Amino acid sequence: MATIEALSIRAATPDDLDVVDRLFQRSYPRLLRAQYPPSVCVTTIPILARAQPALLRSGTYFLAEREGRVVGAGGWTPALRESGRASRLGVGHVRHVVTDHRHLRRGIGRRLLAHVMTDARRAGMAELRCQSTLTAAPFYRALGFEEVGPLSVELPRGIAFASILMRRPI
């Protein structure tokens, strides 16, 4: 088993679109199936398991690599109003955090999120919020996030996806 020291974290770029898509497409079905019924997975995973080009260009989305392979991804963005401007000074959102399902429980997600929190704090954020899947909520709790309450995330085509709104001062 590889050690956590062999893990490197770097900012994603638009050139990483295919590798991030593949990470999402291979891991989300396995990670979500314990908490979501097949009927939900079959409709939501094709929507969730797509890398977002703007996020890859943001400079605040990161890839965790081990031996040249991407084994995790995640980042943050400032909270925005509908106008596209910052809504509240110092509030950011955790975005699309995933660990390759074949590399769980090795500290990858913890190290990646620590990097995300440090980066957000350096950018002036005082709090991070996330719309956690039911599956990931225990992970976020272990990292000091508190549950604000249940949330139904509206996806394209009118699909509602059960989530949990969480927050953490940083």
N, C-alpha and C. Protein backbone atom coordinates (compact mmCIF):
# COMPACT_ATOMS: atom_id res chain seq x y z
N MET A 1 0.84 -1.18 0.00
CA MET A 1 0.00 0.00 0.00
C MET A 1 0.89 1.25 0.00
N ALA A 2 0.54 2.22 -0.83
CA ALA A 2 1.30 3.46 -0.91
C ALA A 2 1.04 4.31 0.33
N THR A 3 2.01 5.10 0.70
CA THR A 3 1.85 5.96 1.86
C THR A 3 1.31 7.31 1.43
N ILE A 4 0.77 8.04 2.38
CA ILE A 4 0.20 9.35 2.10
C ILE A 4 1.29 10.33 1.65
N GLU A 5 2.54 10.12 2.09
CA GLU A 5 3.62 11.01 1.69
C GLU A 5 3.84 10.99 0.17
N ALA A 6 3.50 9.91 -0.50
CA ALA A 6 3.68 9.80 -1.94
C ALA A 6 2.62 10.56 -2.71
N LEU A 7 1.70 11.19 -2.03
CA LEU A 7 0.61 11.91 -2.66
C LEU A 7 1.05 13.34 -2.98
N SER A 8 0.74 13.80 -4.19
CA SER A 8 0.99 15.20 -4.53
C SER A 8 -0.34 15.84 -4.92
N ILE A 9 -0.45 17.13 -4.67
CA ILE A 9 -1.67 17.87 -4.99
C ILE A 9 -1.28 19.05 -5.87
N ARG A 10 -2.01 19.20 -6.96
CA ARG A 10 -1.75 20.30 -7.88
C ARG A 10 -3.06 20.89 -8.37
N ALA A 11 -2.99 22.13 -8.86
CA ALA A 11 -4.18 22.77 -9.43
C ALA A 11 -4.54 22.08 -10.74
N ALA A 12 -5.83 21.86 -10.93
CA ALA A 12 -6.32 21.29 -12.18
C ALA A 12 -6.25 22.33 -13.29
N THR A 13 -6.25 21.86 -14.52
CA THR A 13 -6.29 22.73 -15.70
C THR A 13 -7.35 22.20 -16.65
N PRO A 14 -7.73 22.98 -17.65
CA PRO A 14 -8.68 22.48 -18.63
C PRO A 14 -8.22 21.20 -19.33
N ASP A 15 -6.92 20.99 -19.41
CA ASP A 15 -6.40 19.77 -20.04
C ASP A 15 -6.73 18.52 -19.23
N ASP A 16 -7.17 18.67 -17.99
CA ASP A 16 -7.50 17.54 -17.13
C ASP A 16 -8.95 17.08 -17.26
N LEU A 17 -9.70 17.67 -18.16
CA LEU A 17 -11.13 17.36 -18.29
C LEU A 17 -11.39 15.87 -18.43
N ASP A 18 -10.71 15.19 -19.34
CA ASP A 18 -10.97 13.77 -19.56
C ASP A 18 -10.62 12.92 -18.35
N VAL A 19 -9.50 13.20 -17.71
CA VAL A 19 -9.09 12.38 -16.56
C VAL A 19 -10.05 12.59 -15.38
N VAL A 20 -10.54 13.80 -15.19
CA VAL A 20 -11.50 14.06 -14.11
C VAL A 20 -12.83 13.40 -14.43
N ASP A 21 -13.28 13.51 -15.67
CA ASP A 21 -14.51 12.82 -16.08
C ASP A 21 -14.40 11.32 -15.79
N ARG A 22 -13.29 10.71 -16.15
CA ARG A 22 -13.12 9.27 -15.93
C ARG A 22 -13.12 8.94 -14.44
N LEU A 23 -12.48 9.78 -13.61
CA LEU A 23 -12.49 9.57 -12.16
C LEU A 23 -13.92 9.60 -11.64
N PHE A 24 -14.69 10.60 -12.02
CA PHE A 24 -16.08 10.71 -11.58
C PHE A 24 -16.90 9.52 -12.06
N GLN A 25 -16.77 9.18 -13.33
CA GLN A 25 -17.59 8.13 -13.92
C GLN A 25 -17.30 6.75 -13.34
N ARG A 26 -16.06 6.51 -12.92
CA ARG A 26 -15.76 5.19 -12.36
C ARG A 26 -16.05 5.15 -10.85
N SER A 27 -15.98 6.29 -10.17
CA SER A 27 -16.11 6.27 -8.71
C SER A 27 -17.50 6.60 -8.19
N TYR A 28 -18.19 7.58 -8.78
CA TYR A 28 -19.50 7.94 -8.26
C TYR A 28 -20.47 6.76 -8.17
N PRO A 29 -20.58 5.91 -9.19
CA PRO A 29 -21.53 4.79 -9.06
C PRO A 29 -21.24 3.90 -7.85
N ARG A 30 -19.99 3.65 -7.58
CA ARG A 30 -19.63 2.78 -6.46
C ARG A 30 -19.77 3.50 -5.11
N LEU A 31 -19.44 4.78 -5.09
CA LEU A 31 -19.49 5.53 -3.83
C LEU A 31 -20.92 5.83 -3.40
N LEU A 32 -21.81 6.06 -4.34
CA LEU A 32 -23.17 6.49 -4.01
C LEU A 32 -24.16 5.35 -3.81
N ARG A 33 -23.87 4.19 -4.30
CA ARG A 33 -24.87 3.11 -4.30
C ARG A 33 -25.30 2.65 -2.91
N ALA A 34 -24.48 2.85 -1.89
CA ALA A 34 -24.86 2.42 -0.54
C ALA A 34 -25.97 3.31 0.05
N GLN A 35 -26.04 4.57 -0.35
CA GLN A 35 -26.99 5.51 0.24
C GLN A 35 -28.15 5.90 -0.69
N TYR A 36 -28.02 5.61 -1.96
CA TYR A 36 -29.04 6.03 -2.92
C TYR A 36 -29.55 4.80 -3.68
N PRO A 37 -30.86 4.70 -3.89
CA PRO A 37 -31.39 3.55 -4.63
C PRO A 37 -30.98 3.60 -6.11
N PRO A 38 -30.99 2.44 -6.77
CA PRO A 38 -30.62 2.40 -8.19
C PRO A 38 -31.40 3.38 -9.05
N SER A 39 -32.66 3.61 -8.75
CA SER A 39 -33.47 4.53 -9.56
C SER A 39 -32.92 5.96 -9.49
N VAL A 40 -32.38 6.34 -8.35
CA VAL A 40 -31.78 7.67 -8.21
C VAL A 40 -30.42 7.70 -8.91
N CYS A 41 -29.62 6.67 -8.70
CA CYS A 41 -28.28 6.63 -9.30
C CYS A 41 -28.34 6.66 -10.82
N VAL A 42 -29.25 5.91 -11.40
CA VAL A 42 -29.31 5.84 -12.86
C VAL A 42 -29.68 7.19 -13.48
N THR A 43 -30.42 8.01 -12.76
CA THR A 43 -30.80 9.32 -13.31
C THR A 43 -29.82 10.43 -12.94
N THR A 44 -29.18 10.33 -11.78
CA THR A 44 -28.32 11.44 -11.33
C THR A 44 -26.85 11.29 -11.69
N ILE A 45 -26.33 10.08 -11.69
CA ILE A 45 -24.89 9.92 -11.93
C ILE A 45 -24.45 10.46 -13.29
N PRO A 46 -25.22 10.27 -14.37
CA PRO A 46 -24.78 10.88 -15.63
C PRO A 46 -24.68 12.41 -15.56
N ILE A 47 -25.43 13.03 -14.67
CA ILE A 47 -25.37 14.48 -14.51
C ILE A 47 -24.22 14.87 -13.58
N LEU A 48 -24.09 14.17 -12.46
CA LEU A 48 -23.06 14.50 -11.47
C LEU A 48 -21.66 14.15 -11.95
N ALA A 49 -21.53 13.10 -12.73
CA ALA A 49 -20.21 12.57 -13.11
C ALA A 49 -19.66 13.25 -14.35
N ARG A 50 -19.72 14.57 -14.37
CA ARG A 50 -19.17 15.36 -15.46
C ARG A 50 -18.31 16.46 -14.89
N ALA A 51 -17.09 16.54 -15.32
CA ALA A 51 -16.21 17.62 -14.89
C ALA A 51 -16.74 18.94 -15.44
N GLN A 52 -16.56 19.99 -14.68
CA GLN A 52 -17.04 21.30 -15.08
C GLN A 52 -15.86 22.14 -15.57
N PRO A 53 -15.83 22.46 -16.87
CA PRO A 53 -14.68 23.20 -17.41
C PRO A 53 -14.35 24.48 -16.65
N ALA A 54 -15.36 25.23 -16.24
CA ALA A 54 -15.09 26.48 -15.51
C ALA A 54 -14.40 26.20 -14.18
N LEU A 55 -14.77 25.12 -13.54
CA LEU A 55 -14.13 24.75 -12.28
C LEU A 55 -12.67 24.37 -12.51
N LEU A 56 -12.41 23.66 -13.60
CA LEU A 56 -11.03 23.28 -13.92
C LEU A 56 -10.16 24.49 -14.26
N ARG A 57 -10.78 25.58 -14.71
CA ARG A 57 -10.05 26.81 -15.03
C ARG A 57 -9.91 27.74 -13.83
N SER A 58 -10.61 27.45 -12.74
CA SER A 58 -10.74 28.39 -11.63
C SER A 58 -9.45 28.64 -10.84
N GLY A 59 -8.53 27.69 -10.85
CA GLY A 59 -7.34 27.81 -10.01
C GLY A 59 -7.59 27.37 -8.58
N THR A 60 -8.85 27.02 -8.27
CA THR A 60 -9.19 26.57 -6.91
C THR A 60 -9.75 25.15 -6.90
N TYR A 61 -9.46 24.42 -7.97
CA TYR A 61 -9.85 23.01 -8.05
C TYR A 61 -8.57 22.21 -8.19
N PHE A 62 -8.44 21.15 -7.39
CA PHE A 62 -7.17 20.46 -7.27
C PHE A 62 -7.28 18.97 -7.55
N LEU A 63 -6.18 18.39 -7.98
CA LEU A 63 -6.09 16.96 -8.22
C LEU A 63 -5.05 16.36 -7.29
N ALA A 64 -5.39 15.24 -6.69
CA ALA A 64 -4.45 14.48 -5.87
C ALA A 64 -3.91 13.37 -6.76
N GLU A 65 -2.58 13.28 -6.84
CA GLU A 65 -1.95 12.29 -7.69
C GLU A 65 -1.01 11.41 -6.89
N ARG A 66 -1.00 10.17 -7.28
CA ARG A 66 -0.06 9.20 -6.71
C ARG A 66 0.53 8.42 -7.88
N GLU A 67 1.84 8.42 -7.97
CA GLU A 67 2.54 7.70 -9.04
C GLU A 67 2.01 8.09 -10.42
N GLY A 68 1.76 9.38 -10.60
CA GLY A 68 1.32 9.89 -11.89
C GLY A 68 -0.14 9.66 -12.22
N ARG A 69 -0.91 9.06 -11.31
CA ARG A 69 -2.34 8.81 -11.55
C ARG A 69 -3.19 9.67 -10.63
N VAL A 70 -4.27 10.21 -11.17
CA VAL A 70 -5.21 11.01 -10.37
C VAL A 70 -6.02 10.06 -9.50
N VAL A 71 -5.96 10.26 -8.18
CA VAL A 71 -6.68 9.41 -7.23
C VAL A 71 -7.69 10.21 -6.41
N GLY A 72 -7.79 11.49 -6.67
CA GLY A 72 -8.76 12.32 -5.98
C GLY A 72 -8.85 13.69 -6.62
N ALA A 73 -9.94 14.37 -6.36
CA ALA A 73 -10.14 15.71 -6.90
C ALA A 73 -11.08 16.47 -5.98
N GLY A 74 -10.94 17.78 -5.97
CA GLY A 74 -11.84 18.62 -5.18
C GLY A 74 -11.34 20.04 -5.13
N GLY A 75 -12.24 20.94 -4.78
CA GLY A 75 -11.85 22.33 -4.72
C GLY A 75 -12.90 23.18 -4.02
N TRP A 76 -12.84 24.46 -4.29
CA TRP A 76 -13.77 25.40 -3.68
C TRP A 76 -13.94 26.59 -4.63
N THR A 77 -15.03 27.31 -4.43
CA THR A 77 -15.26 28.57 -5.13
C THR A 77 -15.93 29.53 -4.16
N PRO A 78 -15.76 30.84 -4.37
CA PRO A 78 -16.46 31.80 -3.51
C PRO A 78 -17.97 31.68 -3.71
N ALA A 79 -18.72 31.93 -2.66
CA ALA A 79 -20.18 31.95 -2.77
C ALA A 79 -20.57 33.13 -3.67
N LEU A 80 -21.49 32.88 -4.60
CA LEU A 80 -21.89 33.92 -5.55
C LEU A 80 -23.37 34.21 -5.48
N ARG A 81 -23.73 35.45 -5.80
CA ARG A 81 -25.13 35.82 -5.98
C ARG A 81 -25.55 35.42 -7.38
N GLU A 82 -26.83 35.50 -7.66
CA GLU A 82 -27.32 35.20 -9.01
C GLU A 82 -26.68 36.11 -10.04
N SER A 83 -26.26 37.30 -9.63
CA SER A 83 -25.60 38.24 -10.55
C SER A 83 -24.19 37.80 -10.90
N GLY A 84 -23.66 36.81 -10.18
CA GLY A 84 -22.30 36.34 -10.43
C GLY A 84 -21.27 37.01 -9.55
N ARG A 85 -21.70 37.92 -8.70
CA ARG A 85 -20.77 38.60 -7.77
C ARG A 85 -20.77 37.89 -6.43
N ALA A 86 -19.69 38.08 -5.69
CA ALA A 86 -19.57 37.45 -4.37
C ALA A 86 -20.77 37.83 -3.51
N SER A 87 -21.40 36.84 -2.88
CA SER A 87 -22.60 37.10 -2.10
C SER A 87 -22.27 37.53 -0.68
N ARG A 88 -21.41 36.81 -0.04
CA ARG A 88 -21.02 37.15 1.31
C ARG A 88 -19.51 37.06 1.40
N LEU A 89 -18.92 38.13 1.84
CA LEU A 89 -17.48 38.13 1.98
C LEU A 89 -17.06 37.02 2.92
N GLY A 90 -16.14 36.22 2.47
CA GLY A 90 -15.58 35.20 3.34
C GLY A 90 -16.28 33.86 3.35
N VAL A 91 -17.27 33.64 2.47
CA VAL A 91 -17.95 32.35 2.41
C VAL A 91 -17.62 31.67 1.08
N GLY A 92 -17.17 30.43 1.17
CA GLY A 92 -16.87 29.67 -0.03
C GLY A 92 -17.62 28.36 -0.03
N HIS A 93 -17.66 27.70 -1.17
CA HIS A 93 -18.34 26.41 -1.32
C HIS A 93 -17.34 25.33 -1.72
N VAL A 94 -17.36 24.22 -1.01
CA VAL A 94 -16.58 23.05 -1.39
C VAL A 94 -17.21 22.50 -2.66
N ARG A 95 -16.36 22.08 -3.62
CA ARG A 95 -16.87 21.67 -4.92
C ARG A 95 -16.33 20.32 -5.35
N HIS A 96 -17.21 19.43 -5.75
CA HIS A 96 -16.91 18.17 -6.44
C HIS A 96 -15.73 17.39 -5.85
N VAL A 97 -15.78 17.10 -4.56
CA VAL A 97 -14.72 16.32 -3.92
C VAL A 97 -15.00 14.83 -4.12
N VAL A 98 -14.00 14.10 -4.60
CA VAL A 98 -14.13 12.66 -4.78
C VAL A 98 -12.76 12.00 -4.65
N THR A 99 -12.78 10.82 -4.06
CA THR A 99 -11.59 9.97 -4.03
C THR A 99 -11.89 8.74 -4.88
N ASP A 100 -10.91 8.33 -5.65
CA ASP A 100 -11.07 7.12 -6.44
C ASP A 100 -11.52 5.99 -5.53
N HIS A 101 -12.58 5.30 -5.89
CA HIS A 101 -13.15 4.26 -5.03
C HIS A 101 -12.15 3.15 -4.72
N ARG A 102 -11.12 3.00 -5.55
CA ARG A 102 -10.11 1.96 -5.31
C ARG A 102 -9.05 2.40 -4.32
N HIS A 103 -9.11 3.66 -3.87
CA HIS A 103 -8.09 4.21 -2.98
C HIS A 103 -8.69 4.84 -1.72
N LEU A 104 -9.84 4.37 -1.29
CA LEU A 104 -10.50 4.92 -0.11
C LEU A 104 -9.74 4.55 1.17
N ARG A 105 -9.96 5.35 2.20
CA ARG A 105 -9.43 5.09 3.54
C ARG A 105 -7.89 5.10 3.59
N ARG A 106 -7.30 5.95 2.76
CA ARG A 106 -5.84 6.09 2.76
C ARG A 106 -5.41 7.52 3.03
N GLY A 107 -6.36 8.37 3.44
CA GLY A 107 -6.04 9.75 3.77
C GLY A 107 -6.05 10.71 2.59
N ILE A 108 -6.41 10.24 1.42
CA ILE A 108 -6.39 11.10 0.23
C ILE A 108 -7.41 12.22 0.35
N GLY A 109 -8.66 11.88 0.66
CA GLY A 109 -9.70 12.90 0.79
C GLY A 109 -9.39 13.89 1.90
N ARG A 110 -8.90 13.39 3.02
CA ARG A 110 -8.55 14.26 4.16
C ARG A 110 -7.45 15.25 3.77
N ARG A 111 -6.42 14.74 3.10
CA ARG A 111 -5.32 15.62 2.70
C ARG A 111 -5.77 16.62 1.64
N LEU A 112 -6.58 16.16 0.71
CA LEU A 112 -7.08 17.04 -0.34
C LEU A 112 -7.94 18.15 0.25
N LEU A 113 -8.83 17.80 1.16
CA LEU A 113 -9.69 18.82 1.75
C LEU A 113 -8.90 19.77 2.66
N ALA A 114 -7.86 19.28 3.31
CA ALA A 114 -6.99 20.17 4.09
C ALA A 114 -6.35 21.20 3.16
N HIS A 115 -5.93 20.76 1.99
CA HIS A 115 -5.36 21.67 1.00
C HIS A 115 -6.40 22.70 0.55
N VAL A 116 -7.61 22.24 0.28
CA VAL A 116 -8.70 23.12 -0.13
C VAL A 116 -8.97 24.17 0.95
N MET A 117 -9.04 23.75 2.22
CA MET A 117 -9.32 24.69 3.30
C MET A 117 -8.20 25.71 3.45
N THR A 118 -6.96 25.28 3.34
CA THR A 118 -5.83 26.20 3.43
C THR A 118 -5.87 27.21 2.30
N ASP A 119 -6.14 26.75 1.08
CA ASP A 119 -6.21 27.64 -0.07
C ASP A 119 -7.35 28.65 0.10
N ALA A 120 -8.50 28.20 0.54
CA ALA A 120 -9.65 29.09 0.74
C ALA A 120 -9.36 30.13 1.83
N ARG A 121 -8.74 29.69 2.91
CA ARG A 121 -8.39 30.61 4.00
C ARG A 121 -7.41 31.68 3.50
N ARG A 122 -6.42 31.27 2.72
CA ARG A 122 -5.44 32.24 2.17
C ARG A 122 -6.11 33.25 1.25
N ALA A 123 -7.22 32.84 0.62
CA ALA A 123 -7.95 33.74 -0.28
C ALA A 123 -8.95 34.62 0.46
N GLY A 124 -8.99 34.52 1.79
CA GLY A 124 -9.86 35.38 2.58
C GLY A 124 -11.17 34.76 3.02
N MET A 125 -11.36 33.48 2.78
CA MET A 125 -12.59 32.83 3.22
C MET A 125 -12.50 32.55 4.73
N ALA A 126 -13.62 32.72 5.41
CA ALA A 126 -13.69 32.43 6.84
C ALA A 126 -14.55 31.20 7.11
N GLU A 127 -15.32 30.80 6.10
CA GLU A 127 -16.22 29.66 6.25
C GLU A 127 -16.36 28.94 4.92
N LEU A 128 -16.43 27.62 5.01
CA LEU A 128 -16.73 26.81 3.83
C LEU A 128 -18.05 26.10 4.05
N ARG A 129 -18.85 26.02 3.01
CA ARG A 129 -20.10 25.27 3.04
C ARG A 129 -20.02 24.20 1.97
N CYS A 130 -20.76 23.14 2.17
CA CYS A 130 -20.82 22.12 1.13
C CYS A 130 -22.20 21.51 1.08
N GLN A 131 -22.55 21.05 -0.10
CA GLN A 131 -23.76 20.29 -0.32
C GLN A 131 -23.32 18.84 -0.42
N SER A 132 -23.25 18.19 0.71
CA SER A 132 -22.71 16.84 0.80
C SER A 132 -23.72 15.80 0.33
N THR A 133 -23.20 14.77 -0.33
CA THR A 133 -24.04 13.61 -0.59
C THR A 133 -24.29 12.93 0.76
N LEU A 134 -25.30 12.10 0.82
CA LEU A 134 -25.56 11.34 2.05
C LEU A 134 -24.36 10.46 2.38
N THR A 135 -23.70 9.96 1.36
CA THR A 135 -22.53 9.10 1.52
C THR A 135 -21.36 9.83 2.16
N ALA A 136 -21.12 11.07 1.77
CA ALA A 136 -19.94 11.80 2.21
C ALA A 136 -20.11 12.54 3.54
N ALA A 137 -21.32 12.65 4.05
CA ALA A 137 -21.56 13.41 5.28
C ALA A 137 -20.67 12.95 6.45
N PRO A 138 -20.49 11.65 6.71
CA PRO A 138 -19.60 11.25 7.80
C PRO A 138 -18.16 11.73 7.60
N PHE A 139 -17.68 11.75 6.36
CA PHE A 139 -16.35 12.25 6.05
C PHE A 139 -16.24 13.73 6.44
N TYR A 140 -17.21 14.53 6.02
CA TYR A 140 -17.18 15.96 6.34
C TYR A 140 -17.30 16.19 7.85
N ARG A 141 -18.16 15.43 8.52
CA ARG A 141 -18.28 15.56 9.98
C ARG A 141 -16.94 15.29 10.66
N ALA A 142 -16.23 14.29 10.21
CA ALA A 142 -14.93 13.94 10.79
C ALA A 142 -13.90 15.05 10.59
N LEU A 143 -14.13 15.91 9.61
CA LEU A 143 -13.22 17.03 9.36
C LEU A 143 -13.73 18.34 9.96
N GLY A 144 -14.73 18.26 10.84
CA GLY A 144 -15.19 19.44 11.56
C GLY A 144 -16.35 20.18 10.95
N PHE A 145 -16.93 19.67 9.90
CA PHE A 145 -18.12 20.30 9.32
C PHE A 145 -19.33 19.94 10.18
N GLU A 146 -20.24 20.88 10.33
CA GLU A 146 -21.47 20.61 11.06
C GLU A 146 -22.64 20.64 10.08
N GLU A 147 -23.61 19.83 10.40
CA GLU A 147 -24.78 19.73 9.55
C GLU A 147 -25.70 20.92 9.79
N VAL A 148 -26.08 21.59 8.70
CA VAL A 148 -27.04 22.68 8.77
C VAL A 148 -28.45 22.11 8.60
N GLY A 149 -28.58 21.16 7.68
CA GLY A 149 -29.87 20.52 7.47
C GLY A 149 -29.96 19.82 6.14
N PRO A 150 -31.06 19.08 5.95
CA PRO A 150 -31.24 18.38 4.68
C PRO A 150 -31.46 19.36 3.54
N LEU A 151 -31.12 18.92 2.36
CA LEU A 151 -31.19 19.77 1.19
C LEU A 151 -31.57 18.92 -0.01
N SER A 152 -32.40 19.44 -0.86
CA SER A 152 -32.72 18.77 -2.12
C SER A 152 -32.10 19.60 -3.23
N VAL A 153 -31.06 19.05 -3.85
CA VAL A 153 -30.37 19.76 -4.93
C VAL A 153 -31.13 19.50 -6.23
N GLU A 154 -31.53 20.57 -6.87
CA GLU A 154 -32.26 20.45 -8.14
C GLU A 154 -31.27 20.32 -9.28
N LEU A 155 -31.32 19.19 -9.95
CA LEU A 155 -30.45 18.92 -11.09
C LEU A 155 -31.23 19.16 -12.37
N PRO A 156 -30.53 19.22 -13.51
CA PRO A 156 -31.25 19.40 -14.78
C PRO A 156 -32.32 18.32 -14.96
N ARG A 157 -33.29 18.63 -15.78
CA ARG A 157 -34.43 17.74 -16.08
C ARG A 157 -35.33 17.54 -14.87
N GLY A 158 -35.29 18.48 -13.91
CA GLY A 158 -36.18 18.42 -12.76
C GLY A 158 -35.88 17.32 -11.76
N ILE A 159 -34.67 16.83 -11.75
CA ILE A 159 -34.28 15.75 -10.83
C ILE A 159 -33.87 16.34 -9.48
N ALA A 160 -34.49 15.84 -8.42
CA ALA A 160 -34.14 16.27 -7.06
C ALA A 160 -33.19 15.23 -6.46
N PHE A 161 -32.09 15.71 -5.89
CA PHE A 161 -31.06 14.83 -5.33
C PHE A 161 -30.90 15.15 -3.85
N ALA A 162 -31.17 14.17 -2.99
CA ALA A 162 -31.09 14.37 -1.54
C ALA A 162 -29.63 14.60 -1.11
N SER A 163 -29.43 15.68 -0.38
CA SER A 163 -28.10 16.07 0.09
C SER A 163 -28.20 16.63 1.50
N ILE A 164 -27.07 17.03 2.03
CA ILE A 164 -27.04 17.66 3.35
C ILE A 164 -26.19 18.91 3.26
N LEU A 165 -26.73 20.04 3.67
CA LEU A 165 -25.97 21.27 3.71
C LEU A 165 -25.12 21.23 4.97
N MET A 166 -23.81 21.48 4.81
CA MET A 166 -22.88 21.47 5.92
C MET A 166 -22.02 22.72 5.87
N ARG A 167 -21.45 23.07 7.01
CA ARG A 167 -20.59 24.27 7.08
C ARG A 167 -19.46 24.03 8.06
N ARG A 168 -18.37 24.83 7.86
CA ARG A 168 -17.23 24.76 8.77
C ARG A 168 -16.49 26.08 8.72
N PRO A 169 -16.25 26.69 9.89
CA PRO A 169 -15.36 27.85 9.91
C PRO A 169 -13.94 27.37 9.59
N ILE A 170 -13.18 28.21 8.89
CA ILE A 170 -11.81 27.81 8.58
C ILE A 170 -10.80 28.84 9.05
